[in-house]
Structures are given as C-alpha cells and as structure tokens.
N, C-alpha and C. Protein backbone atom coordinates (compact mmCIF):
# COMPACT_ATOMS: atom_id res chain seq x y z
N MET A 1 107.69 62.12 98.26
CA MET A 1 109.02 62.29 98.78
C MET A 1 109.86 63.01 97.73
N THR A 2 110.41 64.16 98.07
CA THR A 2 111.25 64.91 97.15
C THR A 2 112.69 64.89 97.64
N ALA A 3 113.56 64.38 96.79
CA ALA A 3 114.98 64.31 97.11
C ALA A 3 115.71 65.46 96.42
N ILE A 4 116.86 65.80 96.97
CA ILE A 4 117.69 66.85 96.39
C ILE A 4 119.12 66.34 96.28
N PHE A 5 119.78 66.72 95.21
CA PHE A 5 121.19 66.37 95.03
C PHE A 5 122.07 67.24 95.91
N ASP A 6 123.16 66.67 96.37
CA ASP A 6 124.25 67.43 96.96
C ASP A 6 125.07 67.99 95.80
N GLU A 7 125.94 68.91 96.11
CA GLU A 7 126.73 69.58 95.08
C GLU A 7 127.60 68.62 94.26
N GLY A 8 128.06 67.52 94.84
CA GLY A 8 128.96 66.61 94.15
C GLY A 8 128.30 65.56 93.28
N VAL A 9 126.98 65.51 93.28
CA VAL A 9 126.27 64.50 92.47
C VAL A 9 126.12 65.05 91.05
N PRO A 10 126.49 64.26 90.03
CA PRO A 10 126.42 64.76 88.65
C PRO A 10 124.98 65.07 88.22
N LEU A 11 124.80 66.27 87.68
CA LEU A 11 123.46 66.69 87.24
C LEU A 11 122.90 65.82 86.13
N ASP A 12 123.76 65.17 85.36
CA ASP A 12 123.28 64.29 84.29
C ASP A 12 122.53 63.08 84.84
N LEU A 13 122.64 62.83 86.13
CA LEU A 13 121.90 61.74 86.76
C LEU A 13 120.43 62.12 86.98
N LEU A 14 120.15 63.41 87.02
CA LEU A 14 118.81 63.92 87.31
C LEU A 14 117.74 63.36 86.37
N PRO A 15 117.87 63.51 85.04
CA PRO A 15 116.82 62.98 84.16
C PRO A 15 116.71 61.46 84.21
N ILE A 16 117.81 60.79 84.49
CA ILE A 16 117.79 59.33 84.57
C ILE A 16 116.96 58.88 85.77
N LEU A 17 117.16 59.53 86.91
CA LEU A 17 116.39 59.19 88.11
C LEU A 17 114.92 59.57 87.95
N ARG A 18 114.67 60.71 87.32
CA ARG A 18 113.27 61.12 87.10
C ARG A 18 112.55 60.12 86.20
N LYS A 19 113.22 59.68 85.15
CA LYS A 19 112.63 58.70 84.23
C LYS A 19 112.33 57.39 84.96
N ALA A 20 113.14 57.08 85.97
CA ALA A 20 112.95 55.86 86.77
C ALA A 20 111.89 56.04 87.85
N GLY A 21 111.28 57.24 87.90
CA GLY A 21 110.18 57.47 88.84
C GLY A 21 110.55 58.14 90.14
N CYS A 22 111.75 58.68 90.20
CA CYS A 22 112.21 59.32 91.43
C CYS A 22 111.92 60.83 91.37
N ASP A 23 111.30 61.36 92.41
CA ASP A 23 111.03 62.80 92.51
C ASP A 23 112.28 63.46 93.09
N VAL A 24 113.08 64.07 92.22
CA VAL A 24 114.37 64.60 92.64
C VAL A 24 114.65 65.93 91.94
N VAL A 25 115.36 66.81 92.63
CA VAL A 25 115.76 68.10 92.06
C VAL A 25 117.28 68.25 92.19
N GLY A 26 117.83 69.08 91.32
CA GLY A 26 119.27 69.33 91.34
C GLY A 26 119.67 70.27 92.45
N PHE A 27 120.95 70.36 92.66
CA PHE A 27 121.50 71.23 93.69
C PHE A 27 121.34 72.69 93.25
N PRO A 28 120.71 73.53 94.07
CA PRO A 28 120.49 74.93 93.69
C PRO A 28 121.80 75.72 93.59
N ASN A 29 121.92 76.53 92.55
CA ASN A 29 123.12 77.35 92.38
C ASN A 29 123.38 78.25 93.58
N ARG A 30 122.32 78.75 94.18
CA ARG A 30 122.47 79.67 95.32
C ARG A 30 123.07 78.98 96.54
N TRP A 31 123.08 77.65 96.57
CA TRP A 31 123.65 76.90 97.69
C TRP A 31 125.10 76.50 97.46
N LYS A 32 125.64 76.77 96.28
CA LYS A 32 127.02 76.34 95.97
C LYS A 32 127.99 76.84 97.03
N GLY A 33 128.88 75.96 97.44
CA GLY A 33 129.89 76.32 98.44
C GLY A 33 129.40 76.26 99.88
N THR A 34 128.15 75.87 100.08
CA THR A 34 127.57 75.81 101.43
C THR A 34 128.24 74.69 102.23
N LYS A 35 128.63 74.98 103.45
CA LYS A 35 129.23 73.98 104.34
C LYS A 35 128.15 72.98 104.77
N ASN A 36 128.59 71.78 105.13
CA ASN A 36 127.65 70.69 105.44
C ASN A 36 126.65 71.03 106.55
N GLY A 37 127.08 71.71 107.60
CA GLY A 37 126.16 72.05 108.69
C GLY A 37 125.01 72.92 108.20
N ARG A 38 125.34 73.93 107.43
CA ARG A 38 124.32 74.82 106.87
C ARG A 38 123.48 74.07 105.83
N LEU A 39 124.11 73.20 105.05
CA LEU A 39 123.39 72.42 104.05
C LEU A 39 122.30 71.58 104.69
N VAL A 40 122.62 70.94 105.79
CA VAL A 40 121.64 70.13 106.52
C VAL A 40 120.45 71.00 106.94
N GLN A 41 120.73 72.19 107.42
CA GLN A 41 119.65 73.11 107.82
C GLN A 41 118.79 73.51 106.62
N LEU A 42 119.43 73.81 105.50
CA LEU A 42 118.69 74.22 104.30
C LEU A 42 117.82 73.09 103.76
N VAL A 43 118.37 71.89 103.70
CA VAL A 43 117.60 70.74 103.20
C VAL A 43 116.34 70.57 104.04
N GLU A 44 116.50 70.67 105.35
CA GLU A 44 115.35 70.49 106.24
C GLU A 44 114.36 71.65 106.13
N SER A 45 114.86 72.88 106.14
CA SER A 45 113.96 74.04 106.11
C SER A 45 113.21 74.17 104.78
N GLU A 46 113.80 73.66 103.71
CA GLU A 46 113.14 73.71 102.40
C GLU A 46 112.16 72.56 102.20
N GLY A 47 112.10 71.64 103.16
CA GLY A 47 111.11 70.57 103.11
C GLY A 47 111.48 69.34 102.30
N PHE A 48 112.75 69.20 101.95
CA PHE A 48 113.16 68.00 101.23
C PHE A 48 113.16 66.82 102.19
N THR A 49 112.88 65.65 101.65
CA THR A 49 112.81 64.46 102.51
C THR A 49 114.03 63.57 102.38
N CYS A 50 114.90 63.89 101.41
CA CYS A 50 116.09 63.05 101.20
C CYS A 50 117.18 63.88 100.54
N LEU A 51 118.40 63.71 101.02
CA LEU A 51 119.58 64.33 100.41
C LEU A 51 120.43 63.23 99.79
N LEU A 52 120.64 63.32 98.48
CA LEU A 52 121.51 62.38 97.77
C LEU A 52 122.91 62.97 97.71
N THR A 53 123.89 62.25 98.22
CA THR A 53 125.26 62.75 98.25
C THR A 53 126.25 61.66 97.92
N SER A 54 127.41 62.06 97.43
CA SER A 54 128.51 61.10 97.25
C SER A 54 129.58 61.35 98.31
N ASP A 55 129.29 62.26 99.23
CA ASP A 55 130.21 62.59 100.33
C ASP A 55 130.03 61.58 101.46
N LYS A 56 130.90 60.60 101.51
CA LYS A 56 130.78 59.54 102.51
C LYS A 56 131.04 60.04 103.93
N ASN A 57 131.63 61.22 104.07
CA ASN A 57 131.91 61.78 105.40
C ASN A 57 130.74 62.56 105.99
N LEU A 58 129.86 63.06 105.14
CA LEU A 58 128.76 63.91 105.62
C LEU A 58 127.95 63.27 106.74
N PRO A 59 127.54 62.01 106.63
CA PRO A 59 126.74 61.42 107.71
C PRO A 59 127.49 61.34 109.04
N HIS A 60 128.81 61.27 108.98
CA HIS A 60 129.60 61.17 110.22
C HIS A 60 129.87 62.55 110.82
N GLN A 61 129.71 63.59 110.02
CA GLN A 61 129.98 64.95 110.48
C GLN A 61 128.74 65.63 111.04
N GLN A 62 127.57 65.11 110.71
CA GLN A 62 126.32 65.75 111.09
C GLN A 62 125.44 64.79 111.89
N ASN A 63 124.82 65.32 112.93
CA ASN A 63 123.89 64.52 113.73
C ASN A 63 122.52 64.57 113.05
N LEU A 64 122.06 63.43 112.59
CA LEU A 64 120.77 63.38 111.89
C LEU A 64 119.61 62.99 112.79
N ALA A 65 119.90 62.63 114.01
CA ALA A 65 118.83 62.21 114.93
C ALA A 65 117.76 63.29 115.02
N GLY A 66 116.53 62.90 114.79
CA GLY A 66 115.41 63.83 114.88
C GLY A 66 115.20 64.69 113.65
N ARG A 67 116.04 64.55 112.65
CA ARG A 67 115.88 65.34 111.43
C ARG A 67 114.70 64.81 110.61
N SER A 68 114.12 65.69 109.80
CA SER A 68 112.94 65.32 109.02
C SER A 68 113.29 64.78 107.63
N PHE A 69 114.56 64.56 107.38
CA PHE A 69 114.97 64.02 106.08
C PHE A 69 116.01 62.93 106.26
N ALA A 70 116.19 62.16 105.20
CA ALA A 70 117.17 61.07 105.19
C ALA A 70 118.34 61.46 104.30
N ILE A 71 119.44 60.75 104.47
CA ILE A 71 120.58 60.91 103.57
C ILE A 71 120.82 59.57 102.87
N VAL A 72 120.96 59.64 101.56
CA VAL A 72 121.33 58.48 100.76
C VAL A 72 122.72 58.76 100.21
N VAL A 73 123.67 57.90 100.59
CA VAL A 73 125.07 58.08 100.18
C VAL A 73 125.35 57.20 98.97
N LEU A 74 125.73 57.84 97.89
CA LEU A 74 126.06 57.13 96.65
C LEU A 74 127.50 56.64 96.71
N PRO A 75 127.81 55.54 96.02
CA PRO A 75 129.15 54.97 96.11
C PRO A 75 130.22 55.74 95.33
N SER A 76 129.78 56.67 94.48
CA SER A 76 130.72 57.37 93.60
C SER A 76 130.07 58.64 93.06
N PRO A 77 130.87 59.63 92.70
CA PRO A 77 130.33 60.80 92.01
C PRO A 77 130.37 60.65 90.48
N ARG A 78 130.76 59.48 90.00
CA ARG A 78 130.93 59.26 88.56
C ARG A 78 129.63 58.74 87.93
N LEU A 79 129.15 59.48 86.93
CA LEU A 79 127.89 59.14 86.28
C LEU A 79 127.89 57.72 85.72
N ALA A 80 128.97 57.32 85.08
CA ALA A 80 129.02 55.97 84.48
C ALA A 80 128.78 54.89 85.52
N GLU A 81 129.31 55.07 86.71
CA GLU A 81 129.13 54.08 87.78
C GLU A 81 127.71 54.14 88.35
N LEU A 82 127.14 55.32 88.40
CA LEU A 82 125.81 55.48 88.98
C LEU A 82 124.71 55.00 88.03
N LYS A 83 124.92 55.14 86.74
CA LYS A 83 123.91 54.72 85.76
C LYS A 83 123.57 53.24 85.87
N VAL A 84 124.53 52.42 86.22
CA VAL A 84 124.28 50.97 86.27
C VAL A 84 123.59 50.54 87.56
N ILE A 85 123.44 51.45 88.51
CA ILE A 85 122.78 51.11 89.78
C ILE A 85 121.57 52.01 90.05
N VAL A 86 120.99 52.55 88.99
CA VAL A 86 119.85 53.47 89.14
C VAL A 86 118.73 52.84 89.96
N SER A 87 118.41 51.58 89.70
CA SER A 87 117.31 50.95 90.44
C SER A 87 117.62 50.89 91.93
N ARG A 88 118.87 50.67 92.30
CA ARG A 88 119.24 50.66 93.72
C ARG A 88 119.15 52.05 94.34
N ILE A 89 119.51 53.05 93.55
CA ILE A 89 119.42 54.43 94.05
C ILE A 89 117.95 54.79 94.29
N VAL A 90 117.10 54.50 93.32
CA VAL A 90 115.66 54.79 93.46
C VAL A 90 115.09 54.06 94.67
N ASP A 91 115.40 52.79 94.81
CA ASP A 91 114.92 52.01 95.97
C ASP A 91 115.38 52.65 97.28
N ALA A 92 116.63 53.10 97.33
CA ALA A 92 117.16 53.72 98.55
C ALA A 92 116.41 55.01 98.88
N VAL A 93 116.12 55.81 97.86
CA VAL A 93 115.40 57.06 98.09
C VAL A 93 113.97 56.78 98.56
N VAL A 94 113.31 55.85 97.91
CA VAL A 94 111.91 55.53 98.23
C VAL A 94 111.77 54.96 99.64
N THR A 95 112.73 54.16 100.06
CA THR A 95 112.63 53.51 101.38
C THR A 95 113.36 54.26 102.49
N ALA A 96 114.01 55.37 102.15
CA ALA A 96 114.77 56.13 103.15
C ALA A 96 113.86 56.64 104.27
N LYS A 97 114.37 56.58 105.48
CA LYS A 97 113.62 57.02 106.65
C LYS A 97 114.25 58.28 107.23
N PRO A 98 113.42 59.26 107.61
CA PRO A 98 113.95 60.49 108.19
C PRO A 98 114.89 60.21 109.36
N GLY A 99 115.99 60.96 109.38
CA GLY A 99 116.95 60.82 110.46
C GLY A 99 117.92 59.67 110.29
N HIS A 100 117.83 58.96 109.16
CA HIS A 100 118.69 57.80 108.91
C HIS A 100 119.54 57.99 107.66
N VAL A 101 120.60 57.19 107.58
CA VAL A 101 121.50 57.19 106.43
C VAL A 101 121.41 55.84 105.74
N THR A 102 121.31 55.86 104.42
CA THR A 102 121.32 54.64 103.62
C THR A 102 122.53 54.70 102.69
N LEU A 103 123.33 53.65 102.71
CA LEU A 103 124.48 53.55 101.82
C LEU A 103 124.10 52.69 100.62
N VAL A 104 124.27 53.23 99.43
CA VAL A 104 123.99 52.47 98.21
C VAL A 104 125.28 51.79 97.78
N GLU A 105 125.21 50.48 97.58
CA GLU A 105 126.39 49.70 97.18
C GLU A 105 126.52 49.68 95.66
N ARG A 106 127.73 49.45 95.21
CA ARG A 106 127.98 49.37 93.75
C ARG A 106 127.33 48.17 93.15
C-alpha cells in the first residue's frame, strides 16, 4: 500500500512515517495548486492506495464511492501535533479501505 501526502501535510512527517514502516511519498511539486477534484483523479490514476490530508473538507467535497484509494484525514497540519500520534496515523493508513475515509483523532 503506497500512500501520498496532500499539499498541506508537512514534509518533515515523511521520514518519521517511513521509519515507522509506512510506505508513503511526498506531494509532487508538479501537482502544487491542483484543485481537489483533479487531485482525486491524479491519486487514483497514479495508483496510490491512500491520500493523507489535513483538509477536513476534502472527503465532503468529493465522492469516493467506487474509488481505488482511501483518504486518511489528519487532525492537524502541525508537525508537533502529528509526531505524537504517528502510530495512529500508520494504523489508519494500513487499515484504510478503498473508497472510504478514516479520521485520525488527536
């Protein structure tokens, strides 16, 4: 399962999640400024199985039914807050189901 960061997720979280065993990549520079509808298409067409985002509105703006990837919504875009819940983030990514949204709690 390969997850990808949304634009608002701090890149400094990347090595922390990788060290915890999560297969994750950062947000591609070429996608910067991409609107959510197009982002959903790109995530799916590139074969990612999970999108990590701190945008709590994204799941409500996009229909994920039938999509081949999951969305994991982080509680904050702040690295300090995310570092203390790394195990919950990894668990959410590993157990995420395509077409579903998982909210990670603080």
